[in-house]
Protein backbone atom coordinates (compact mmCIF):
# COMPACT_ATOMS: atom_id res chain seq x y z
CA MET A 1 102.68 91.39 125.38
CA LYS A 2 105.26 92.39 127.97
CA GLY A 3 108.05 92.32 125.36
CA LEU A 4 105.95 94.35 122.94
CA LEU A 5 105.26 97.07 125.51
CA HIS A 6 108.91 97.12 126.53
CA GLU A 7 110.00 97.55 122.91
CA LEU A 8 107.49 100.35 122.25
CA GLY A 9 108.67 102.17 125.36
CA ARG A 10 112.29 102.25 124.29
CA ARG A 11 113.72 105.52 123.02
CA TRP A 12 113.48 105.90 119.23
CA SER A 13 111.06 102.99 118.67
CA TYR A 14 108.00 105.17 118.10
CA SER A 15 109.99 107.49 115.82
CA ILE A 16 111.20 104.53 113.75
CA LEU A 17 107.65 103.26 113.37
CA GLY A 18 106.53 106.73 112.28
CA VAL A 19 109.14 107.06 109.55
CA VAL A 20 108.41 103.61 108.15
CA TYR A 21 104.65 104.25 108.36
CA GLU A 22 104.99 107.46 106.33
CA ARG A 23 107.21 105.91 103.65
CA ASP A 24 105.77 102.36 103.40
CA SER A 25 109.26 100.88 103.12
CA VAL A 26 112.69 102.20 104.00
CA TYR A 27 116.33 101.16 103.95
CA PHE A 28 118.60 101.32 107.00
CA ASN A 29 120.58 104.35 105.76
CA GLU A 30 117.37 106.21 104.90
CA LEU A 31 116.19 105.66 108.47
CA LYS A 32 119.52 106.84 109.85
CA LYS A 33 119.23 110.08 107.82
CA ALA A 34 115.57 110.61 108.76
CA LEU A 35 116.25 110.10 112.48
CA GLU A 36 118.93 112.70 113.03
CA GLY A 37 121.11 111.90 116.01
CA ILE A 38 120.37 108.18 116.40
CA PRO A 39 123.56 106.10 116.73
CA PRO A 40 123.75 103.27 114.16
CA LYS A 41 124.01 100.62 116.88
CA THR A 42 120.89 101.95 118.60
CA LEU A 43 119.01 101.97 115.30
CA SER A 44 120.10 98.40 114.60
CA ASP A 45 119.06 97.26 118.10
CA ARG A 46 115.64 98.94 117.86
CA LEU A 47 114.98 97.51 114.41
CA ARG A 48 115.94 94.03 115.62
CA GLY A 49 113.54 94.37 118.57
CA LEU A 50 110.66 95.67 116.44
CA VAL A 51 111.14 92.79 113.97
CA LYS A 52 111.26 90.28 116.85
CA GLU A 53 107.98 91.62 118.26
CA GLY A 54 106.31 91.32 114.85
CA LEU A 55 105.82 95.05 114.24
CA MET A 56 108.22 95.24 111.32
CA ARG A 57 109.41 93.00 108.53
CA ARG A 58 113.02 92.83 107.33
CA LYS A 59 113.74 91.93 103.71
CA TYR A 60 117.16 91.50 102.13
CA VAL A 61 117.41 93.07 98.67
CA PHE A 62 120.22 92.74 96.14
CA GLU A 63 120.20 96.00 94.21
CA GLN A 64 122.80 97.66 92.00
CA GLY A 65 125.47 95.15 92.91
CA ARG A 66 125.06 95.41 96.68
CA HIS A 67 122.97 93.95 99.46
CA ARG A 68 120.50 96.24 101.20
CA THR A 69 118.04 95.66 104.00
CA GLU A 70 114.51 96.98 103.52
CA TYR A 71 112.11 97.47 106.42
CA THR A 72 108.31 97.62 106.25
CA LEU A 73 105.56 97.58 108.86
CA THR A 74 103.50 94.46 109.35
CA GLU A 75 99.72 94.66 109.73
CA LYS A 76 100.25 94.48 113.48
CA GLY A 77 102.75 97.35 113.31
CA VAL A 78 100.37 99.53 111.29
CA ALA A 79 97.48 98.81 113.67
CA ILE A 80 99.52 99.61 116.78
CA TYR A 81 101.03 102.77 115.27
CA GLU A 82 97.61 104.05 114.15
CA THR A 83 96.17 103.31 117.59
CA ILE A 84 98.92 105.25 119.34
CA LEU A 85 98.58 108.05 116.78
CA SER A 86 94.84 108.33 117.54
CA TRP A 87 95.62 108.99 121.23
CA LYS A 88 97.32 112.28 120.37
């Protein structure tokens, strides 16, 4: 629980969850474009943390001759995002 709260409190984490929630699934570059101003390393670190805490799922896709990484929310991620959204 402590790790989960720490990850949610980090800058950009909530915004990342919001973009993925709205789109169902998203690729790394799509996230980078949607979150204007986020450095690629920060995005990578936040995604790694959200996957580790079980809020997101990472899937490797081979598409059009190249490897891509697709991110989706887990049931836990959807539940937590909707809970936080209801507080607003």
